[in-house]
Amino acid sequence: MDSILVVHYSLSGVSRRVAQLLASHHGWPLGTIEDRRPRVGLRGTWRCVLDSLLDRQPRIRYRGPVPEEFRTVVLVAPIWMYRLAAPMRSFLHEHRLRRVAVVVTMGSAGASNAFAEVHRITGKAPVATLALTAHEVESGSGTGRLIEMGLRLRPGHATVHQDAAGHALAPPAAGARPR
């Protein structure tokens, strides 16, 4: 099956906008990861920090198609403390995915750590990666790279790995650990 699913987690709404744009442009279904315990106010912020620093896997609720039924799952999530957002980490531990592509949204840095973390958890290097800053999402300046990444995920296209500036990145090395 050459089907593609987009799964996202978003606290502020930035990653949700990216996932919705990618899914609607390519006609792919969309799945949503939600926290079972809301992250609001200062307590919510501290939970984000601690979940990242302590490598925790918070309880989540997934709403969407069964990810294991898709050939490729595009993960869209924010960076917290230079790491993949903890709810996405929980999702990866709960599902055995065939192939993943990863899009991260961030203030300025941490993408390479998140890509390596996905590789470590899944045991497979992402077939494509893309890092977008919140500014690129909100201004629309990253839209072209996002759409292009989606096109390259279709069968017969080469993989693509880009940083927030659009520069090509090497895929994460086998066994790479987040810094």
N, C-alpha and C. Protein backbone atom coordinates (compact mmCIF):
# COMPACT_ATOMS: atom_id res chain seq x y z
N MET A 1 0.85 -1.18 0.00
CA MET A 1 0.00 0.00 0.00
C MET A 1 0.89 1.24 0.00
N ASP A 2 0.64 2.20 -0.90
CA ASP A 2 1.42 3.42 -0.99
C ASP A 2 0.67 4.59 -0.38
N SER A 3 0.00 4.35 0.73
CA SER A 3 -0.80 5.39 1.35
C SER A 3 0.02 6.16 2.38
N ILE A 4 -0.39 7.40 2.60
CA ILE A 4 0.31 8.30 3.51
C ILE A 4 -0.70 8.90 4.48
N LEU A 5 -0.32 8.92 5.75
CA LEU A 5 -1.11 9.51 6.82
C LEU A 5 -0.28 10.60 7.49
N VAL A 6 -0.91 11.70 7.84
CA VAL A 6 -0.25 12.78 8.59
C VAL A 6 -0.78 12.72 10.02
N VAL A 7 0.13 12.63 10.99
CA VAL A 7 -0.24 12.60 12.41
C VAL A 7 0.46 13.78 13.08
N HIS A 8 -0.32 14.53 13.85
CA HIS A 8 0.31 15.69 14.51
C HIS A 8 -0.04 15.79 15.98
N TYR A 9 0.87 16.45 16.70
CA TYR A 9 0.61 16.92 18.05
C TYR A 9 0.93 18.40 18.03
N SER A 10 0.08 19.21 18.65
CA SER A 10 0.31 20.64 18.68
C SER A 10 -0.22 21.22 19.98
N LEU A 11 0.62 21.95 20.67
CA LEU A 11 0.21 22.63 21.89
C LEU A 11 -0.27 24.05 21.57
N SER A 12 0.50 24.76 20.74
CA SER A 12 0.19 26.16 20.45
C SER A 12 -0.65 26.35 19.19
N GLY A 13 -0.72 25.32 18.35
CA GLY A 13 -1.46 25.43 17.10
C GLY A 13 -0.57 25.54 15.88
N VAL A 14 0.73 25.80 16.06
CA VAL A 14 1.64 25.94 14.92
C VAL A 14 1.78 24.62 14.17
N SER A 15 2.06 23.54 14.89
CA SER A 15 2.20 22.23 14.24
C SER A 15 0.88 21.77 13.62
N ARG A 16 -0.23 22.11 14.25
CA ARG A 16 -1.53 21.75 13.69
C ARG A 16 -1.73 22.42 12.33
N ARG A 17 -1.37 23.70 12.22
CA ARG A 17 -1.51 24.39 10.93
C ARG A 17 -0.66 23.73 9.85
N VAL A 18 0.56 23.32 10.21
CA VAL A 18 1.44 22.65 9.26
C VAL A 18 0.82 21.33 8.81
N ALA A 19 0.35 20.54 9.75
CA ALA A 19 -0.24 19.23 9.43
C ALA A 19 -1.48 19.38 8.57
N GLN A 20 -2.33 20.33 8.90
CA GLN A 20 -3.55 20.54 8.12
C GLN A 20 -3.24 20.97 6.69
N LEU A 21 -2.26 21.84 6.53
CA LEU A 21 -1.86 22.29 5.20
C LEU A 21 -1.31 21.12 4.38
N LEU A 22 -0.42 20.34 4.98
CA LEU A 22 0.18 19.20 4.28
C LEU A 22 -0.89 18.18 3.89
N ALA A 23 -1.74 17.83 4.82
CA ALA A 23 -2.79 16.83 4.56
C ALA A 23 -3.78 17.33 3.52
N SER A 24 -4.25 18.56 3.64
CA SER A 24 -5.26 19.05 2.69
C SER A 24 -4.67 19.24 1.30
N HIS A 25 -3.44 19.71 1.20
CA HIS A 25 -2.84 19.93 -0.11
C HIS A 25 -2.67 18.62 -0.88
N HIS A 26 -2.30 17.56 -0.18
CA HIS A 26 -2.03 16.28 -0.83
C HIS A 26 -3.20 15.30 -0.77
N GLY A 27 -4.27 15.67 -0.06
CA GLY A 27 -5.43 14.79 0.04
C GLY A 27 -5.19 13.59 0.96
N TRP A 28 -4.33 13.76 1.95
CA TRP A 28 -4.01 12.68 2.88
C TRP A 28 -4.86 12.80 4.14
N PRO A 29 -5.19 11.69 4.77
CA PRO A 29 -5.93 11.74 6.04
C PRO A 29 -5.06 12.31 7.16
N LEU A 30 -5.73 12.77 8.20
CA LEU A 30 -5.06 13.44 9.31
C LEU A 30 -5.43 12.78 10.63
N GLY A 31 -4.44 12.50 11.45
CA GLY A 31 -4.64 11.99 12.80
C GLY A 31 -4.14 13.01 13.81
N THR A 32 -4.75 13.02 14.98
CA THR A 32 -4.40 14.00 16.02
C THR A 32 -4.04 13.30 17.31
N ILE A 33 -2.96 13.76 17.92
CA ILE A 33 -2.54 13.30 19.23
C ILE A 33 -2.94 14.37 20.24
N GLU A 34 -3.59 13.95 21.31
CA GLU A 34 -4.00 14.89 22.37
C GLU A 34 -3.47 14.41 23.70
N ASP A 35 -3.14 15.36 24.56
CA ASP A 35 -2.77 15.04 25.94
C ASP A 35 -4.01 14.57 26.68
N ARG A 36 -3.87 13.56 27.51
CA ARG A 36 -5.01 13.16 28.36
C ARG A 36 -5.19 14.18 29.49
N ARG A 37 -4.10 14.81 29.90
CA ARG A 37 -4.13 15.86 30.92
C ARG A 37 -3.76 17.18 30.26
N PRO A 38 -4.64 18.17 30.25
CA PRO A 38 -4.35 19.43 29.56
C PRO A 38 -3.09 20.11 30.10
N ARG A 39 -2.39 20.79 29.21
CA ARG A 39 -1.19 21.55 29.57
C ARG A 39 -1.55 23.03 29.50
N VAL A 40 -2.04 23.56 30.60
CA VAL A 40 -2.42 24.97 30.63
C VAL A 40 -1.65 25.71 31.70
N GLY A 41 -1.39 26.97 31.44
CA GLY A 41 -0.73 27.83 32.41
C GLY A 41 0.70 27.42 32.73
N LEU A 42 1.18 27.92 33.85
CA LEU A 42 2.55 27.66 34.28
C LEU A 42 2.78 26.18 34.57
N ARG A 43 1.80 25.53 35.16
CA ARG A 43 1.93 24.08 35.43
C ARG A 43 2.10 23.29 34.14
N GLY A 44 1.35 23.66 33.12
CA GLY A 44 1.46 22.99 31.83
C GLY A 44 2.82 23.19 31.21
N THR A 45 3.34 24.41 31.33
CA THR A 45 4.67 24.71 30.80
C THR A 45 5.73 23.89 31.51
N TRP A 46 5.63 23.81 32.83
CA TRP A 46 6.60 23.01 33.59
C TRP A 46 6.51 21.53 33.23
N ARG A 47 5.31 21.03 32.96
CA ARG A 47 5.17 19.63 32.53
C ARG A 47 5.88 19.40 31.21
N CYS A 48 5.78 20.37 30.30
CA CYS A 48 6.48 20.26 29.01
C CYS A 48 7.99 20.15 29.24
N VAL A 49 8.51 21.02 30.08
CA VAL A 49 9.95 21.03 30.38
C VAL A 49 10.37 19.71 31.02
N LEU A 50 9.66 19.29 32.05
CA LEU A 50 10.04 18.06 32.75
C LEU A 50 9.86 16.82 31.87
N ASP A 51 8.79 16.76 31.10
CA ASP A 51 8.60 15.63 30.20
C ASP A 51 9.77 15.50 29.23
N SER A 52 10.27 16.64 28.76
CA SER A 52 11.40 16.62 27.83
C SER A 52 12.69 16.24 28.52
N LEU A 53 12.98 16.91 29.62
CA LEU A 53 14.25 16.65 30.32
C LEU A 53 14.34 15.24 30.89
N LEU A 54 13.22 14.70 31.34
CA LEU A 54 13.22 13.38 31.96
C LEU A 54 12.82 12.26 31.00
N ASP A 55 12.68 12.60 29.71
CA ASP A 55 12.36 11.61 28.68
C ASP A 55 11.07 10.85 29.00
N ARG A 56 10.09 11.57 29.54
CA ARG A 56 8.83 10.92 29.94
C ARG A 56 7.92 10.69 28.74
N GLN A 57 7.01 9.75 28.91
CA GLN A 57 6.01 9.43 27.91
C GLN A 57 4.64 9.68 28.54
N PRO A 58 4.11 10.89 28.37
CA PRO A 58 2.81 11.19 28.98
C PRO A 58 1.69 10.39 28.32
N ARG A 59 0.60 10.24 29.05
CA ARG A 59 -0.57 9.54 28.51
C ARG A 59 -1.21 10.40 27.43
N ILE A 60 -1.52 9.77 26.31
CA ILE A 60 -2.09 10.49 25.18
C ILE A 60 -3.36 9.80 24.70
N ARG A 61 -4.08 10.49 23.86
CA ARG A 61 -5.25 9.95 23.16
C ARG A 61 -4.99 10.23 21.67
N TYR A 62 -5.09 9.19 20.86
CA TYR A 62 -4.93 9.36 19.42
C TYR A 62 -6.29 9.28 18.75
N ARG A 63 -6.58 10.23 17.87
CA ARG A 63 -7.84 10.24 17.11
C ARG A 63 -7.48 10.28 15.63
N GLY A 64 -7.86 9.21 14.94
CA GLY A 64 -7.58 9.19 13.51
C GLY A 64 -7.51 7.76 12.99
N PRO A 65 -7.16 7.63 11.70
CA PRO A 65 -7.03 6.30 11.10
C PRO A 65 -5.94 5.49 11.79
N VAL A 66 -6.01 4.18 11.67
CA VAL A 66 -5.01 3.28 12.26
C VAL A 66 -3.68 3.49 11.54
N PRO A 67 -2.66 4.01 12.23
CA PRO A 67 -1.39 4.34 11.57
C PRO A 67 -0.68 3.14 10.95
N GLU A 68 -0.82 1.98 11.56
CA GLU A 68 -0.14 0.79 11.05
C GLU A 68 -0.67 0.34 9.69
N GLU A 69 -1.81 0.86 9.28
CA GLU A 69 -2.38 0.51 7.99
C GLU A 69 -1.82 1.34 6.84
N PHE A 70 -0.92 2.27 7.15
CA PHE A 70 -0.36 3.16 6.13
C PHE A 70 1.10 2.83 5.87
N ARG A 71 1.50 2.99 4.63
CA ARG A 71 2.89 2.73 4.27
C ARG A 71 3.82 3.77 4.90
N THR A 72 3.40 5.02 4.88
CA THR A 72 4.22 6.12 5.42
C THR A 72 3.36 6.97 6.35
N VAL A 73 3.91 7.31 7.50
CA VAL A 73 3.26 8.23 8.42
C VAL A 73 4.15 9.45 8.56
N VAL A 74 3.58 10.62 8.27
CA VAL A 74 4.29 11.88 8.43
C VAL A 74 3.96 12.41 9.82
N LEU A 75 4.98 12.53 10.65
CA LEU A 75 4.82 13.03 12.01
C LEU A 75 5.09 14.52 12.02
N VAL A 76 4.19 15.30 12.62
CA VAL A 76 4.36 16.75 12.71
C VAL A 76 4.25 17.12 14.18
N ALA A 77 5.32 17.70 14.73
CA ALA A 77 5.34 18.00 16.16
C ALA A 77 6.28 19.15 16.46
N PRO A 78 6.07 19.80 17.59
CA PRO A 78 6.98 20.87 18.00
C PRO A 78 8.23 20.31 18.70
N ILE A 79 9.18 21.19 18.84
CA ILE A 79 10.39 20.92 19.62
C ILE A 79 10.19 21.53 21.00
N TRP A 80 10.47 20.75 22.03
CA TRP A 80 10.46 21.25 23.41
C TRP A 80 11.85 21.00 23.99
N MET A 81 12.49 22.01 24.48
CA MET A 81 13.80 21.87 25.13
C MET A 81 14.78 21.12 24.21
N TYR A 82 14.79 21.47 22.95
CA TYR A 82 15.68 20.87 21.94
C TYR A 82 15.39 19.39 21.70
N ARG A 83 14.18 18.93 22.02
CA ARG A 83 13.81 17.53 21.85
C ARG A 83 12.42 17.45 21.24
N LEU A 84 12.08 16.27 20.77
CA LEU A 84 10.75 16.00 20.24
C LEU A 84 9.73 16.16 21.37
N ALA A 85 8.60 16.78 21.08
CA ALA A 85 7.55 16.95 22.10
C ALA A 85 7.16 15.58 22.66
N ALA A 86 7.04 15.52 23.97
CA ALA A 86 6.81 14.25 24.68
C ALA A 86 5.57 13.49 24.19
N PRO A 87 4.44 14.14 23.90
CA PRO A 87 3.29 13.37 23.42
C PRO A 87 3.57 12.62 22.10
N MET A 88 4.39 13.20 21.23
CA MET A 88 4.76 12.49 20.00
C MET A 88 5.65 11.30 20.34
N ARG A 89 6.51 11.46 21.31
CA ARG A 89 7.35 10.34 21.77
C ARG A 89 6.46 9.20 22.27
N SER A 90 5.43 9.52 23.04
CA SER A 90 4.48 8.49 23.51
C SER A 90 3.82 7.78 22.33
N PHE A 91 3.40 8.55 21.34
CA PHE A 91 2.77 7.97 20.15
C PHE A 91 3.71 6.97 19.47
N LEU A 92 4.96 7.34 19.33
CA LEU A 92 5.93 6.45 18.68
C LEU A 92 6.14 5.16 19.46
N HIS A 93 6.10 5.24 20.78
CA HIS A 93 6.25 4.04 21.60
C HIS A 93 5.01 3.14 21.52
N GLU A 94 3.86 3.72 21.21
CA GLU A 94 2.61 2.95 21.17
C GLU A 94 2.32 2.32 19.81
N HIS A 95 2.99 2.77 18.76
CA HIS A 95 2.68 2.30 17.40
C HIS A 95 3.93 1.81 16.69
N ARG A 96 3.78 0.74 15.95
CA ARG A 96 4.85 0.20 15.11
C ARG A 96 4.60 0.68 13.68
N LEU A 97 5.37 1.65 13.27
CA LEU A 97 5.17 2.27 11.96
C LEU A 97 6.19 1.73 10.96
N ARG A 98 5.74 1.56 9.71
CA ARG A 98 6.63 1.03 8.66
C ARG A 98 7.68 2.04 8.24
N ARG A 99 7.20 3.22 7.88
CA ARG A 99 8.09 4.30 7.42
C ARG A 99 7.59 5.60 8.03
N VAL A 100 8.51 6.45 8.42
CA VAL A 100 8.11 7.75 8.94
C VAL A 100 8.87 8.86 8.22
N ALA A 101 8.19 9.97 8.10
CA ALA A 101 8.80 11.24 7.71
C ALA A 101 8.51 12.17 8.88
N VAL A 102 9.37 13.14 9.11
CA VAL A 102 9.22 13.99 10.29
C VAL A 102 9.29 15.46 9.90
N VAL A 103 8.31 16.23 10.35
CA VAL A 103 8.31 17.68 10.22
C VAL A 103 8.26 18.23 11.64
N VAL A 104 9.22 19.07 11.99
CA VAL A 104 9.21 19.68 13.32
C VAL A 104 9.04 21.19 13.17
N THR A 105 8.35 21.76 14.16
CA THR A 105 8.21 23.21 14.25
C THR A 105 8.95 23.63 15.50
N MET A 106 9.58 24.80 15.44
CA MET A 106 10.44 25.19 16.55
C MET A 106 10.64 26.70 16.57
N GLY A 107 11.15 27.16 17.71
CA GLY A 107 11.54 28.55 17.81
C GLY A 107 12.77 28.81 16.97
N SER A 108 13.82 28.00 17.19
CA SER A 108 15.04 28.22 16.43
C SER A 108 15.93 26.99 16.27
N ALA A 109 15.86 26.01 17.16
CA ALA A 109 16.82 24.90 17.10
C ALA A 109 16.25 23.63 17.72
N GLY A 110 16.96 22.53 17.50
CA GLY A 110 16.60 21.25 18.11
C GLY A 110 16.16 20.20 17.11
N ALA A 111 16.05 20.55 15.84
CA ALA A 111 15.52 19.62 14.85
C ALA A 111 16.36 18.35 14.74
N SER A 112 17.66 18.48 14.66
CA SER A 112 18.50 17.28 14.49
C SER A 112 18.35 16.33 15.67
N ASN A 113 18.18 16.87 16.86
CA ASN A 113 17.96 16.02 18.04
C ASN A 113 16.64 15.24 17.90
N ALA A 114 15.59 15.92 17.44
CA ALA A 114 14.29 15.28 17.28
C ALA A 114 14.34 14.19 16.21
N PHE A 115 15.02 14.45 15.11
CA PHE A 115 15.13 13.45 14.05
C PHE A 115 15.86 12.21 14.56
N ALA A 116 16.94 12.43 15.31
CA ALA A 116 17.69 11.31 15.88
C ALA A 116 16.85 10.55 16.91
N GLU A 117 16.02 11.28 17.66
CA GLU A 117 15.16 10.63 18.65
C GLU A 117 14.12 9.73 17.97
N VAL A 118 13.55 10.19 16.88
CA VAL A 118 12.59 9.36 16.13
C VAL A 118 13.31 8.10 15.64
N HIS A 119 14.51 8.27 15.13
CA HIS A 119 15.29 7.13 14.64
C HIS A 119 15.56 6.13 15.78
N ARG A 120 15.94 6.64 16.93
CA ARG A 120 16.23 5.78 18.08
C ARG A 120 15.00 5.00 18.52
N ILE A 121 13.85 5.66 18.59
CA ILE A 121 12.62 5.01 19.06
C ILE A 121 12.10 4.00 18.05
N THR A 122 12.09 4.36 16.78
CA THR A 122 11.51 3.48 15.76
C THR A 122 12.49 2.44 15.24
N GLY A 123 13.78 2.71 15.41
CA GLY A 123 14.80 1.82 14.86
C GLY A 123 15.00 2.01 13.37
N LYS A 124 14.39 3.06 12.82
CA LYS A 124 14.49 3.34 11.38
C LYS A 124 14.74 4.83 11.18
N ALA A 125 15.61 5.14 10.23
CA ALA A 125 15.83 6.55 9.90
C ALA A 125 14.59 7.09 9.19
N PRO A 126 14.17 8.32 9.49
CA PRO A 126 13.06 8.91 8.75
C PRO A 126 13.39 8.98 7.26
N VAL A 127 12.40 8.74 6.42
CA VAL A 127 12.62 8.79 4.97
C VAL A 127 12.72 10.23 4.48
N ALA A 128 12.22 11.18 5.27
CA ALA A 128 12.32 12.59 4.94
C ALA A 128 12.19 13.38 6.24
N THR A 129 12.87 14.52 6.29
CA THR A 129 12.77 15.39 7.45
C THR A 129 12.69 16.84 6.98
N LEU A 130 12.03 17.64 7.79
CA LEU A 130 11.93 19.07 7.50
C LEU A 130 11.77 19.81 8.82
N ALA A 131 12.53 20.88 8.96
CA ALA A 131 12.42 21.74 10.14
C ALA A 131 11.89 23.10 9.71
N LEU A 132 10.86 23.57 10.38
CA LEU A 132 10.28 24.88 10.11
C LEU A 132 10.24 25.69 11.39
N THR A 133 10.63 26.94 11.30
CA THR A 133 10.50 27.80 12.47
C THR A 133 9.05 28.28 12.56
N ALA A 134 8.65 28.68 13.75
CA ALA A 134 7.30 29.21 13.93
C ALA A 134 7.09 30.42 13.02
N HIS A 135 8.13 31.23 12.85
CA HIS A 135 8.03 32.39 11.97
C HIS A 135 7.75 31.97 10.53
N GLU A 136 8.42 30.92 10.05
CA GLU A 136 8.18 30.44 8.68
C GLU A 136 6.76 29.94 8.50
N VAL A 137 6.22 29.31 9.53
CA VAL A 137 4.85 28.82 9.45
C VAL A 137 3.87 29.99 9.42
N GLU A 138 4.06 30.91 10.33
CA GLU A 138 3.12 32.03 10.45
C GLU A 138 3.19 32.99 9.27
N SER A 139 4.39 33.17 8.70
CA SER A 139 4.53 34.08 7.55
C SER A 139 4.20 33.38 6.23
N GLY A 140 4.19 32.05 6.24
CA GLY A 140 3.95 31.30 5.01
C GLY A 140 5.20 31.04 4.19
N SER A 141 6.35 31.53 4.66
CA SER A 141 7.58 31.39 3.87
C SER A 141 8.10 29.95 3.80
N GLY A 142 7.63 29.07 4.66
CA GLY A 142 8.06 27.68 4.62
C GLY A 142 7.11 26.77 3.85
N THR A 143 6.03 27.33 3.33
CA THR A 143 5.01 26.52 2.66
C THR A 143 5.55 25.76 1.46
N GLY A 144 6.35 26.40 0.66
CA GLY A 144 6.89 25.75 -0.54
C GLY A 144 7.72 24.52 -0.20
N ARG A 145 8.57 24.63 0.81
CA ARG A 145 9.39 23.48 1.22
C ARG A 145 8.53 22.36 1.78
N LEU A 146 7.45 22.72 2.49
CA LEU A 146 6.55 21.72 3.06
C LEU A 146 5.83 20.95 1.93
N ILE A 147 5.31 21.67 0.97
CA ILE A 147 4.61 21.03 -0.14
C ILE A 147 5.58 20.16 -0.94
N GLU A 148 6.78 20.66 -1.18
CA GLU A 148 7.79 19.89 -1.91
C GLU A 148 8.15 18.60 -1.17
N MET A 149 8.26 18.67 0.14
CA MET A 149 8.54 17.46 0.91
C MET A 149 7.42 16.44 0.69
N GLY A 150 6.19 16.90 0.73
CA GLY A 150 5.06 16.01 0.50
C GLY A 150 5.12 15.35 -0.87
N LEU A 151 5.49 16.11 -1.88
CA LEU A 151 5.61 15.55 -3.23
C LEU A 151 6.68 14.46 -3.28
N ARG A 152 7.77 14.68 -2.58
CA ARG A 152 8.87 13.71 -2.58
C ARG A 152 8.54 12.43 -1.80
N LEU A 153 7.50 12.46 -1.00
CA LEU A 153 7.11 11.26 -0.26
C LEU A 153 6.34 10.27 -1.14
N ARG A 154 5.85 10.74 -2.24
CA ARG A 154 5.12 9.86 -3.14
C ARG A 154 6.08 8.83 -3.73
N PRO A 155 5.59 7.65 -4.05
CA PRO A 155 6.47 6.60 -4.59
C PRO A 155 7.28 7.08 -5.79
N GLY A 156 8.55 6.66 -5.83
CA GLY A 156 9.42 6.99 -6.95
C GLY A 156 10.24 8.24 -6.77
N HIS A 157 10.06 8.96 -5.65
CA HIS A 157 10.82 10.18 -5.41
C HIS A 157 11.92 9.92 -4.39
N ALA A 158 12.99 10.69 -4.48
CA ALA A 158 14.10 10.58 -3.53
C ALA A 158 13.69 11.15 -2.18
N THR A 159 14.38 10.73 -1.14
CA THR A 159 14.11 11.28 0.19
C THR A 159 14.72 12.67 0.30
N VAL A 160 14.20 13.45 1.22
CA VAL A 160 14.68 14.81 1.39
C VAL A 160 14.81 15.11 2.88
N HIS A 161 15.91 15.76 3.22
CA HIS A 161 16.17 16.16 4.60
C HIS A 161 16.63 17.61 4.55
N GLN A 162 15.88 18.52 5.21
CA GLN A 162 16.21 19.94 5.17
C GLN A 162 16.14 20.54 6.56
N ASP A 163 16.99 21.54 6.79
CA ASP A 163 16.91 22.29 8.04
C ASP A 163 15.98 23.48 7.83
N ALA A 164 15.86 24.32 8.86
CA ALA A 164 14.92 25.44 8.80
C ALA A 164 15.30 26.45 7.72
N ALA A 165 16.56 26.49 7.30
CA ALA A 165 16.98 27.43 6.27
C ALA A 165 16.84 26.83 4.88
N GLY A 166 16.39 25.57 4.79
CA GLY A 166 16.22 24.94 3.50
C GLY A 166 17.46 24.24 2.99
N HIS A 167 18.48 24.16 3.83
CA HIS A 167 19.72 23.48 3.45
C HIS A 167 19.56 21.98 3.60
N ALA A 168 20.16 21.25 2.70
CA ALA A 168 20.09 19.80 2.75
C ALA A 168 20.83 19.29 3.98
N LEU A 169 20.24 18.29 4.64
CA LEU A 169 20.86 17.63 5.79
C LEU A 169 21.08 16.17 5.45
N ALA A 170 22.10 15.60 6.05
CA ALA A 170 22.28 14.15 5.93
C ALA A 170 21.24 13.49 6.81
N PRO A 171 20.70 12.33 6.41
CA PRO A 171 19.75 11.64 7.28
C PRO A 171 20.45 11.24 8.57
N PRO A 172 19.71 11.06 9.68
CA PRO A 172 20.32 10.70 10.95
C PRO A 172 21.12 9.40 10.81
N ALA A 173 22.29 9.39 11.41
CA ALA A 173 23.14 8.19 11.38
C ALA A 173 22.53 7.09 12.22
N ALA A 174 22.78 5.86 11.83
CA ALA A 174 22.28 4.71 12.59
C ALA A 174 22.79 4.79 14.02
N GLY A 175 21.92 4.60 14.97
CA GLY A 175 22.31 4.62 16.37
C GLY A 175 22.54 6.02 16.93
N ALA A 176 22.27 7.06 16.15
CA ALA A 176 22.49 8.42 16.63
C ALA A 176 21.60 8.71 17.83
N ARG A 177 22.15 9.38 18.79
CA ARG A 177 21.41 9.72 20.00
C ARG A 177 21.19 11.23 20.03
N PRO A 178 20.05 11.69 20.51
CA PRO A 178 19.83 13.13 20.64
C PRO A 178 20.85 13.74 21.58
N ARG A 179 21.24 14.97 21.27
CA ARG A 179 22.17 15.69 22.14
C ARG A 179 21.44 16.41 23.23
